[in-house]
Amino acid sequence: MVLSLILRGMLNGPDSRTTLYSVKYPRPLHESLAATLENQERYERAHLIESLLGGSEVPLEMGHMGRLRLYELQDQLKATRQREMFGILFDGRHVERDLAMAILNSSPEAPVSLAYLDMNGLKAFNEDGDHATGDDAIKTFFHAVEKGVSGAGDAYRVGGDEVVVIMPGTPLVEARQRMRSVLVSLAGEAISVKGEPRKLSSACGLVTITSPQAKPHEEKVRADHLQKEAKAASKLGDGRRCCALRVEDEAKPVVIEV
């Protein structure tokens, strides 16, 4: 498969951002520059294939044709995605697949930001009210996330009240602003529990990915770990809960009270 992609120009093509080999060989003076470049590309490609067949480990990079094909696949896959039961967010079954596709396009110049959120107090909404009350809380939470990330990425329900947000091409500073806005918006919402308003809150962990070699599951776990740190910080000690955001490059979670 790898050889096929190389021969089709999808991997290590002439448009690759880095050159694997710097090859010098005799060139007649009358040879045009275009022919020279073409011959060198063929020489390097043959050298690459020879190394692969010989069992050597070589770095691979997606070429222009490969990226075009990747964009086509992304569009096709997005068209087949299903929504979760409330029809607000995408179903969690798609999250690792979509994250893997986003990671393939990541770079320091175009990072993927990944957020993991968990709503606080769902059990209490269900027990102090009923399951319809709990559903209202979840739907309000989902709407706040979906609205806050619209235009920057997609949100997925990965558990009863857990959400993963994938933001391709989004620097950490921009992603932080968006997720903070989500939490501020959510903190301004309240759900009626037997006639008494109860405020909503959530914990959020946020990481950024800059390498196409990153593993989707490991990155999701990393974001979830930061979310758990934010969850601990969201407990105010008097039974109340607030929103909290933990960003990977910050020393401690930021507590958000409205």
C-alpha atoms as a PDB file:
ATOM      1  CA  MET A   1       0.000   0.000   0.000  1.00  0.00           C
ATOM      2  CA  VAL A   2       2.791   2.438   0.912  1.00  0.00           C
ATOM      3  CA  LEU A   3       4.569   1.792  -2.392  1.00  0.00           C
ATOM      4  CA  SER A   4       1.310   2.339  -4.265  1.00  0.00           C
ATOM      5  CA  LEU A   5       0.782   5.705  -2.562  1.00  0.00           C
ATOM      6  CA  ILE A   6       4.353   6.750  -3.344  1.00  0.00           C
ATOM      7  CA  LEU A   7       4.016   5.799  -7.009  1.00  0.00           C
ATOM      8  CA  ARG A   8       0.725   7.730  -7.232  1.00  0.00           C
ATOM      9  CA  GLY A   9       2.363  10.828  -5.757  1.00  0.00           C
ATOM     10  CA  MET A  10       0.329  10.793  -2.546  1.00  0.00           C
ATOM     11  CA  LEU A  11       3.322  10.215  -0.287  1.00  0.00           C
ATOM     12  CA  ASN A  12       6.712  11.920  -0.595  1.00  0.00           C
ATOM     13  CA  GLY A  13       5.674  13.535  -3.869  1.00  0.00           C
ATOM     14  CA  PRO A  14       7.648  16.307  -5.581  1.00  0.00           C
ATOM     15  CA  ASP A  15       5.616  18.886  -3.642  1.00  0.00           C
ATOM     16  CA  SER A  16       6.629  17.586  -0.206  1.00  0.00           C
ATOM     17  CA  ARG A  17       7.719  20.225   2.248  1.00  0.00           C
ATOM     18  CA  THR A  18      10.941  18.378   3.056  1.00  0.00           C
ATOM     19  CA  THR A  19      13.362  16.495   0.835  1.00  0.00           C
ATOM     20  CA  LEU A  20      14.480  13.135   2.123  1.00  0.00           C
ATOM     21  CA  TYR A  21      17.703  13.002   0.192  1.00  0.00           C
ATOM     22  CA  SER A  22      20.117  15.523  -1.261  1.00  0.00           C
ATOM     23  CA  VAL A  23      21.421  13.745  -4.341  1.00  0.00           C
ATOM     24  CA  LYS A  24      24.196  14.968  -6.610  1.00  0.00           C
ATOM     25  CA  TYR A  25      24.854  13.324  -9.955  1.00  0.00           C
ATOM     26  CA  PRO A  26      26.368  14.382 -13.311  1.00  0.00           C
ATOM     27  CA  ARG A  27      24.080  16.510 -15.481  1.00  0.00           C
ATOM     28  CA  PRO A  28      24.802  17.576 -19.063  1.00  0.00           C
ATOM     29  CA  LEU A  29      24.981  21.340 -19.552  1.00  0.00           C
ATOM     30  CA  HIS A  30      22.310  21.337 -22.272  1.00  0.00           C
ATOM     31  CA  GLU A  31      19.706  19.725 -19.966  1.00  0.00           C
ATOM     32  CA  SER A  32      16.871  22.105 -19.052  1.00  0.00           C
ATOM     33  CA  LEU A  33      16.122  22.970 -15.450  1.00  0.00           C
ATOM     34  CA  ALA A  34      12.691  21.323 -15.669  1.00  0.00           C
ATOM     35  CA  ALA A  35      14.190  18.072 -16.907  1.00  0.00           C
ATOM     36  CA  THR A  36      16.833  18.231 -14.198  1.00  0.00           C
ATOM     37  CA  LEU A  37      14.228  18.571 -11.466  1.00  0.00           C
ATOM     38  CA  GLU A  38      12.105  15.797 -12.945  1.00  0.00           C
ATOM     39  CA  ASN A  39      15.088  13.432 -13.131  1.00  0.00           C
ATOM     40  CA  GLN A  40      16.090  14.223  -9.561  1.00  0.00           C
ATOM     41  CA  GLU A  41      12.556  13.574  -8.330  1.00  0.00           C
ATOM     42  CA  ARG A  42      12.525  10.209 -10.101  1.00  0.00           C
ATOM     43  CA  TYR A  43      15.937   9.374  -8.713  1.00  0.00           C
ATOM     44  CA  GLU A  44      14.878  10.238  -5.168  1.00  0.00           C
ATOM     45  CA  ARG A  45      11.623   8.306  -5.484  1.00  0.00           C
ATOM     46  CA  ALA A  46      13.482   5.238  -6.735  1.00  0.00           C
ATOM     47  CA  HIS A  47      15.961   5.627  -3.883  1.00  0.00           C
ATOM     48  CA  LEU A  48      13.054   5.803  -1.403  1.00  0.00           C
ATOM     49  CA  ILE A  49      11.379   2.673  -2.786  1.00  0.00           C
ATOM     50  CA  GLU A  50      14.709   0.809  -2.738  1.00  0.00           C
ATOM     51  CA  SER A  51      15.173   1.731   0.917  1.00  0.00           C
ATOM     52  CA  LEU A  52      11.658   0.570   1.803  1.00  0.00           C
ATOM     53  CA  LEU A  53      12.093  -2.743  -0.015  1.00  0.00           C
ATOM     54  CA  GLY A  54      15.413  -3.173   1.751  1.00  0.00           C
ATOM     55  CA  GLY A  55      13.718  -2.922   5.126  1.00  0.00           C
ATOM     56  CA  SER A  56      15.014   0.524   6.057  1.00  0.00           C
ATOM     57  CA  GLU A  57      12.907   2.928   8.106  1.00  0.00           C
ATOM     58  CA  VAL A  58      12.226   6.140   6.195  1.00  0.00           C
ATOM     59  CA  PRO A  59      10.132   9.232   7.029  1.00  0.00           C
ATOM     60  CA  LEU A  60       6.983   9.649   4.974  1.00  0.00           C
ATOM     61  CA  GLU A  61       5.095  12.853   4.206  1.00  0.00           C
ATOM     62  CA  MET A  62       1.822  13.383   2.434  1.00  0.00           C
ATOM     63  CA  GLY A  63       2.089  15.027  -0.980  1.00  0.00           C
ATOM     64  CA  HIS A  64      -0.382  17.324  -2.750  1.00  0.00           C
ATOM     65  CA  MET A  65      -2.311  14.463  -4.360  1.00  0.00           C
ATOM     66  CA  GLY A  66      -2.548  12.724  -1.000  1.00  0.00           C
ATOM     67  CA  ARG A  67      -3.951  15.848   0.648  1.00  0.00           C
ATOM     68  CA  LEU A  68      -6.536  16.297  -2.088  1.00  0.00           C
ATOM     69  CA  ARG A  69      -7.636  12.700  -1.603  1.00  0.00           C
ATOM     70  CA  LEU A  70      -7.742  13.212   2.170  1.00  0.00           C
ATOM     71  CA  TYR A  71     -10.007  16.260   1.769  1.00  0.00           C
ATOM     72  CA  GLU A  72     -12.325  14.208  -0.452  1.00  0.00           C
ATOM     73  CA  LEU A  73     -12.493  11.437   2.157  1.00  0.00           C
ATOM     74  CA  GLN A  74     -13.153  13.952   4.929  1.00  0.00           C
ATOM     75  CA  ASP A  75     -16.085  15.424   3.019  1.00  0.00           C
ATOM     76  CA  GLN A  76     -17.497  11.956   2.347  1.00  0.00           C
ATOM     77  CA  LEU A  77     -17.157  10.886   5.973  1.00  0.00           C
ATOM     78  CA  LYS A  78     -18.708  14.104   7.294  1.00  0.00           C
ATOM     79  CA  ALA A  79     -21.733  13.511   5.092  1.00  0.00           C
ATOM     80  CA  THR A  80     -22.335  10.142   6.802  1.00  0.00           C
ATOM     81  CA  ARG A  81     -22.102  11.327  10.416  1.00  0.00           C
ATOM     82  CA  GLN A  82     -25.096  10.801  12.695  1.00  0.00           C
ATOM     83  CA  ARG A  83     -26.328  13.002  15.556  1.00  0.00           C
ATOM     84  CA  GLU A  84     -26.832  11.908  19.150  1.00  0.00           C
ATOM     85  CA  MET A  85     -30.374  11.262  20.403  1.00  0.00           C
ATOM     86  CA  PHE A  86     -31.202  14.955  20.977  1.00  0.00           C
ATOM     87  CA  GLY A  87     -30.015  15.905  17.479  1.00  0.00           C
ATOM     88  CA  ILE A  88     -27.714  18.675  18.785  1.00  0.00           C
ATOM     89  CA  LEU A  89     -24.188  17.215  18.688  1.00  0.00           C
ATOM     90  CA  PHE A  90     -22.574  14.503  16.591  1.00  0.00           C
ATOM     91  CA  ASP A  91     -22.639  10.938  17.882  1.00  0.00           C
ATOM     92  CA  GLY A  92     -19.515   9.934  19.789  1.00  0.00           C
ATOM     93  CA  ARG A  93     -18.874   6.927  17.561  1.00  0.00           C
ATOM     94  CA  HIS A  94     -17.370   9.321  14.995  1.00  0.00           C
ATOM     95  CA  VAL A  95     -15.017  11.224  17.275  1.00  0.00           C
ATOM     96  CA  GLU A  96     -11.785   9.197  17.017  1.00  0.00           C
ATOM     97  CA  ARG A  97     -12.159   8.774  13.265  1.00  0.00           C
ATOM     98  CA  ASP A  98     -12.706  12.500  12.742  1.00  0.00           C
ATOM     99  CA  LEU A  99      -9.910  13.363  15.170  1.00  0.00           C
ATOM    100  CA  ALA A 100      -7.521  11.056  13.283  1.00  0.00           C
ATOM    101  CA  MET A 101      -8.366  12.831  10.024  1.00  0.00           C
ATOM    102  CA  ALA A 102      -7.843  16.248  11.621  1.00  0.00           C
ATOM    103  CA  ILE A 103      -4.509  15.186  13.115  1.00  0.00           C
ATOM    104  CA  LEU A 104      -3.200  14.167   9.678  1.00  0.00           C
ATOM    105  CA  ASN A 105      -3.466  17.831   8.645  1.00  0.00           C
ATOM    106  CA  SER A 106      -1.992  19.241  11.863  1.00  0.00           C
ATOM    107  CA  SER A 107       1.254  21.197  12.084  1.00  0.00           C
ATOM    108  CA  PRO A 108       2.760  23.878  14.339  1.00  0.00           C
ATOM    109  CA  GLU A 109       1.332  26.450  11.914  1.00  0.00           C
ATOM    110  CA  ALA A 110      -2.107  24.784  11.814  1.00  0.00           C
ATOM    111  CA  PRO A 111      -2.667  22.997  15.134  1.00  0.00           C
ATOM    112  CA  VAL A 112      -5.716  20.985  16.152  1.00  0.00           C
ATOM    113  CA  SER A 113      -7.203  22.056  19.476  1.00  0.00           C
ATOM    114  CA  LEU A 114      -9.093  19.392  21.408  1.00  0.00           C
ATOM    115  CA  ALA A 115     -11.456  20.026  24.319  1.00  0.00           C
ATOM    116  CA  TYR A 116     -13.061  17.531  26.701  1.00  0.00           C
ATOM    117  CA  LEU A 117     -16.056  18.730  28.745  1.00  0.00           C
ATOM    118  CA  ASP A 118     -18.145  17.098  31.458  1.00  0.00           C
ATOM    119  CA  MET A 119     -21.277  18.724  32.874  1.00  0.00           C
ATOM    120  CA  ASN A 120     -21.477  18.941  36.671  1.00  0.00           C
ATOM    121  CA  GLY A 121     -24.305  17.516  38.743  1.00  0.00           C
ATOM    122  CA  LEU A 122     -26.330  15.441  36.263  1.00  0.00           C
ATOM    123  CA  LYS A 123     -27.102  12.858  38.950  1.00  0.00           C
ATOM    124  CA  ALA A 124     -28.546  15.562  41.212  1.00  0.00           C
ATOM    125  CA  PHE A 125     -30.742  16.919  38.406  1.00  0.00           C
ATOM    126  CA  ASN A 126     -32.142  13.411  37.874  1.00  0.00           C
ATOM    127  CA  GLU A 127     -32.608  12.630  41.575  1.00  0.00           C
ATOM    128  CA  ASP A 128     -33.857  16.002  42.833  1.00  0.00           C
ATOM    129  CA  GLY A 129     -36.073  16.465  39.795  1.00  0.00           C
ATOM    130  CA  ASP A 130     -36.658  13.640  37.318  1.00  0.00           C
ATOM    131  CA  HIS A 131     -35.110  12.314  34.128  1.00  0.00           C
ATOM    132  CA  ALA A 132     -36.913  14.960  32.069  1.00  0.00           C
ATOM    133  CA  THR A 133     -35.190  17.583  34.219  1.00  0.00           C
ATOM    134  CA  GLY A 134     -31.874  15.864  33.611  1.00  0.00           C
ATOM    135  CA  ASP A 135     -32.543  15.816  29.863  1.00  0.00           C
ATOM    136  CA  ASP A 136     -33.317  19.549  29.912  1.00  0.00           C
ATOM    137  CA  ALA A 137     -29.987  20.193  31.653  1.00  0.00           C
ATOM    138  CA  ILE A 138     -28.081  18.079  29.125  1.00  0.00           C
ATOM    139  CA  LYS A 139     -29.751  19.757  26.148  1.00  0.00           C
ATOM    140  CA  THR A 140     -28.988  23.229  27.518  1.00  0.00           C
ATOM    141  CA  PHE A 141     -25.371  22.166  28.028  1.00  0.00           C
ATOM    142  CA  PHE A 142     -25.114  20.769  24.495  1.00  0.00           C
ATOM    143  CA  HIS A 143     -26.625  23.901  22.944  1.00  0.00           C
ATOM    144  CA  ALA A 144     -24.112  26.102  24.795  1.00  0.00           C
ATOM    145  CA  VAL A 145     -21.190  24.013  23.472  1.00  0.00           C
ATOM    146  CA  GLU A 146     -22.522  23.782  19.912  1.00  0.00           C
ATOM    147  CA  LYS A 147     -23.113  27.514  19.700  1.00  0.00           C
ATOM    148  CA  GLY A 148     -19.726  28.366  21.194  1.00  0.00           C
ATOM    149  CA  VAL A 149     -17.671  26.262  18.769  1.00  0.00           C
ATOM    150  CA  SER A 150     -19.733  26.890  15.638  1.00  0.00           C
ATOM    151  CA  GLY A 151     -17.469  27.884  12.775  1.00  0.00           C
ATOM    152  CA  ALA A 152     -14.328  26.585  14.506  1.00  0.00           C
ATOM    153  CA  GLY A 153     -15.012  22.890  14.945  1.00  0.00           C
ATOM    154  CA  ASP A 154     -17.437  20.104  15.743  1.00  0.00           C
ATOM    155  CA  ALA A 155     -18.732  18.765  19.070  1.00  0.00           C
ATOM    156  CA  TYR A 156     -19.448  15.097  19.855  1.00  0.00           C
ATOM    157  CA  ARG A 157     -21.385  13.441  22.671  1.00  0.00           C
ATOM    158  CA  VAL A 158     -19.096  10.730  24.041  1.00  0.00           C
ATOM    159  CA  GLY A 159     -21.062   9.869  27.178  1.00  0.00           C
ATOM    160  CA  GLY A 160     -24.244  10.782  29.016  1.00  0.00           C
ATOM    161  CA  ASP A 161     -23.054  14.324  29.712  1.00  0.00           C
ATOM    162  CA  GLU A 162     -19.534  14.307  28.257  1.00  0.00           C
ATOM    163  CA  VAL A 163     -18.526  16.176  25.113  1.00  0.00           C
ATOM    164  CA  VAL A 164     -15.421  16.238  22.922  1.00  0.00           C
ATOM    165  CA  VAL A 165     -14.768  19.244  20.672  1.00  0.00           C
ATOM    166  CA  ILE A 166     -12.376  19.044  17.691  1.00  0.00           C
ATOM    167  CA  MET A 167     -11.163  22.403  16.348  1.00  0.00           C
ATOM    168  CA  PRO A 168      -8.878  21.962  13.284  1.00  0.00           C
ATOM    169  CA  GLY A 169      -6.515  24.797  12.406  1.00  0.00           C
ATOM    170  CA  THR A 170      -7.253  26.521  15.714  1.00  0.00           C
ATOM    171  CA  PRO A 171      -4.373  27.845  17.872  1.00  0.00           C
ATOM    172  CA  LEU A 172      -4.580  27.221  21.603  1.00  0.00           C
ATOM    173  CA  VAL A 173      -5.153  30.884  22.438  1.00  0.00           C
ATOM    174  CA  GLU A 174      -8.226  31.029  20.173  1.00  0.00           C
ATOM    175  CA  ALA A 175      -9.520  27.691  21.432  1.00  0.00           C
ATOM    176  CA  ARG A 176      -9.126  28.892  25.019  1.00  0.00           C
ATOM    177  CA  GLN A 177     -11.209  31.987  24.280  1.00  0.00           C
ATOM    178  CA  ARG A 178     -13.942  29.886  22.705  1.00  0.00           C
ATOM    179  CA  MET A 179     -14.109  27.349  25.509  1.00  0.00           C
ATOM    180  CA  ARG A 180     -14.108  30.081  28.145  1.00  0.00           C
ATOM    181  CA  SER A 181     -17.033  31.722  26.321  1.00  0.00           C
ATOM    182  CA  VAL A 182     -18.854  28.379  26.343  1.00  0.00           C
ATOM    183  CA  LEU A 183     -18.380  28.070  30.108  1.00  0.00           C
ATOM    184  CA  VAL A 184     -19.409  31.673  30.775  1.00  0.00           C
ATOM    185  CA  SER A 185     -22.547  31.166  28.684  1.00  0.00           C
ATOM    186  CA  LEU A 186     -23.358  27.908  30.458  1.00  0.00           C
ATOM    187  CA  ALA A 187     -22.853  29.477  33.891  1.00  0.00           C
ATOM    188  CA  GLY A 188     -25.567  31.985  33.023  1.00  0.00           C
ATOM    189  CA  GLU A 189     -28.127  29.220  32.451  1.00  0.00           C
ATOM    190  CA  ALA A 190     -30.422  27.646  35.026  1.00  0.00           C
ATOM    191  CA  ILE A 191     -32.814  24.688  35.027  1.00  0.00           C
ATOM    192  CA  SER A 192     -35.966  24.557  37.132  1.00  0.00           C
ATOM    193  CA  VAL A 193     -35.856  21.707  39.648  1.00  0.00           C
ATOM    194  CA  LYS A 194     -39.299  21.409  41.289  1.00  0.00           C
ATOM    195  CA  GLY A 195     -39.834  25.117  40.818  1.00  0.00           C
ATOM    196  CA  GLU A 196     -36.398  26.198  42.040  1.00  0.00           C
ATOM    197  CA  PRO A 197     -33.766  27.460  39.535  1.00  0.00           C
ATOM    198  CA  ARG A 198     -30.476  25.578  39.604  1.00  0.00           C
ATOM    199  CA  LYS A 199     -27.420  26.875  37.772  1.00  0.00           C
ATOM    200  CA  LEU A 200     -25.497  24.778  35.284  1.00  0.00           C
ATOM    201  CA  SER A 201     -21.744  24.304  35.212  1.00  0.00           C
ATOM    202  CA  SER A 202     -19.083  22.196  33.518  1.00  0.00           C
ATOM    203  CA  ALA A 203     -15.406  21.254  33.703  1.00  0.00           C
ATOM    204  CA  CYS A 204     -13.256  21.496  30.575  1.00  0.00           C
ATOM    205  CA  GLY A 205      -9.781  20.263  29.631  1.00  0.00           C
ATOM    206  CA  LEU A 206      -8.051  21.727  26.576  1.00  0.00           C
ATOM    207  CA  VAL A 207      -4.979  20.535  24.628  1.00  0.00           C
ATOM    208  CA  THR A 208      -3.411  21.317  21.272  1.00  0.00           C
ATOM    209  CA  ILE A 209      -1.950  18.910  18.699  1.00  0.00           C
ATOM    210  CA  THR A 210       0.778  19.906  16.231  1.00  0.00           C
ATOM    211  CA  SER A 211       2.129  16.569  14.978  1.00  0.00           C
ATOM    212  CA  PRO A 212       0.535  14.332  12.309  1.00  0.00           C
ATOM    213  CA  GLN A 213       2.023  11.373  14.211  1.00  0.00           C
ATOM    214  CA  ALA A 214      -0.096  12.035  17.322  1.00  0.00           C
ATOM    215  CA  LYS A 215      -2.449   9.209  18.348  1.00  0.00           C
ATOM    216  CA  PRO A 216      -6.155  10.180  18.598  1.00  0.00           C
ATOM    217  CA  HIS A 217      -6.989   8.035  21.625  1.00  0.00           C
ATOM    218  CA  GLU A 218      -3.969   9.264  23.586  1.00  0.00           C
ATOM    219  CA  GLU A 219      -4.818  12.896  22.851  1.00  0.00           C
ATOM    220  CA  LYS A 220      -8.404  12.353  23.958  1.00  0.00           C
ATOM    221  CA  VAL A 221      -7.194  10.780  27.199  1.00  0.00           C
ATOM    222  CA  ARG A 222      -4.824  13.720  27.717  1.00  0.00           C
ATOM    223  CA  ALA A 223      -7.678  16.221  27.360  1.00  0.00           C
ATOM    224  CA  ASP A 224      -9.873  14.136  29.676  1.00  0.00           C
ATOM    225  CA  HIS A 225      -7.127  14.103  32.318  1.00  0.00           C
ATOM    226  CA  LEU A 226      -7.054  17.917  32.297  1.00  0.00           C
ATOM    227  CA  GLN A 227     -10.860  17.929  32.481  1.00  0.00           C
ATOM    228  CA  LYS A 228     -10.662  15.884  35.682  1.00  0.00           C
ATOM    229  CA  GLU A 229      -8.289  18.460  37.169  1.00  0.00           C
ATOM    230  CA  ALA A 230     -10.803  21.164  36.250  1.00  0.00           C
ATOM    231  CA  LYS A 231     -13.579  19.058  37.781  1.00  0.00           C
ATOM    232  CA  ALA A 232     -11.786  19.001  41.127  1.00  0.00           C
ATOM    233  CA  ALA A 233     -11.313  22.788  40.990  1.00  0.00           C
ATOM    234  CA  SER A 234     -15.018  23.315  40.218  1.00  0.00           C
ATOM    235  CA  LYS A 235     -16.047  22.147  43.713  1.00  0.00           C
ATOM    236  CA  LEU A 236     -16.423  25.260  45.873  1.00  0.00           C
ATOM    237  CA  GLY A 237     -16.574  23.411  49.194  1.00  0.00           C
ATOM    238  CA  ASP A 238     -20.089  24.428  50.228  1.00  0.00           C
ATOM    239  CA  GLY A 239     -21.955  22.089  47.916  1.00  0.00           C
ATOM    240  CA  ARG A 240     -21.951  24.576  45.076  1.00  0.00           C
ATOM    241  CA  ARG A 241     -20.293  23.928  41.721  1.00  0.00           C
ATOM    242  CA  CYS A 242     -18.885  26.358  39.195  1.00  0.00           C
ATOM    243  CA  CYS A 243     -17.340  26.131  35.740  1.00  0.00           C
ATOM    244  CA  ALA A 244     -13.604  25.481  35.495  1.00  0.00           C
ATOM    245  CA  LEU A 245     -11.160  25.381  32.583  1.00  0.00           C
ATOM    246  CA  ARG A 246      -7.786  23.598  32.587  1.00  0.00           C
ATOM    247  CA  VAL A 247      -5.501  24.448  29.630  1.00  0.00           C
ATOM    248  CA  GLU A 248      -2.374  22.396  28.976  1.00  0.00           C
ATOM    249  CA  ASP A 249       0.093  25.303  29.083  1.00  0.00           C
ATOM    250  CA  GLU A 250      -1.300  26.840  32.282  1.00  0.00           C
ATOM    251  CA  ALA A 251      -0.196  25.950  35.806  1.00  0.00           C
ATOM    252  CA  LYS A 252      -3.671  25.418  37.276  1.00  0.00           C
ATOM    253  CA  PRO A 253      -7.366  25.434  36.360  1.00  0.00           C
ATOM    254  CA  VAL A 254      -9.210  28.726  35.952  1.00  0.00           C
ATOM    255  CA  VAL A 255     -12.431  28.921  37.964  1.00  0.00           C
ATOM    256  CA  ILE A 256     -15.273  30.757  36.217  1.00  0.00           C
ATOM    257  CA  GLU A 257     -18.089  32.140  38.330  1.00  0.00           C
ATOM    258  CA  VAL A 258     -20.881  34.329  36.960  1.00  0.00           C
END
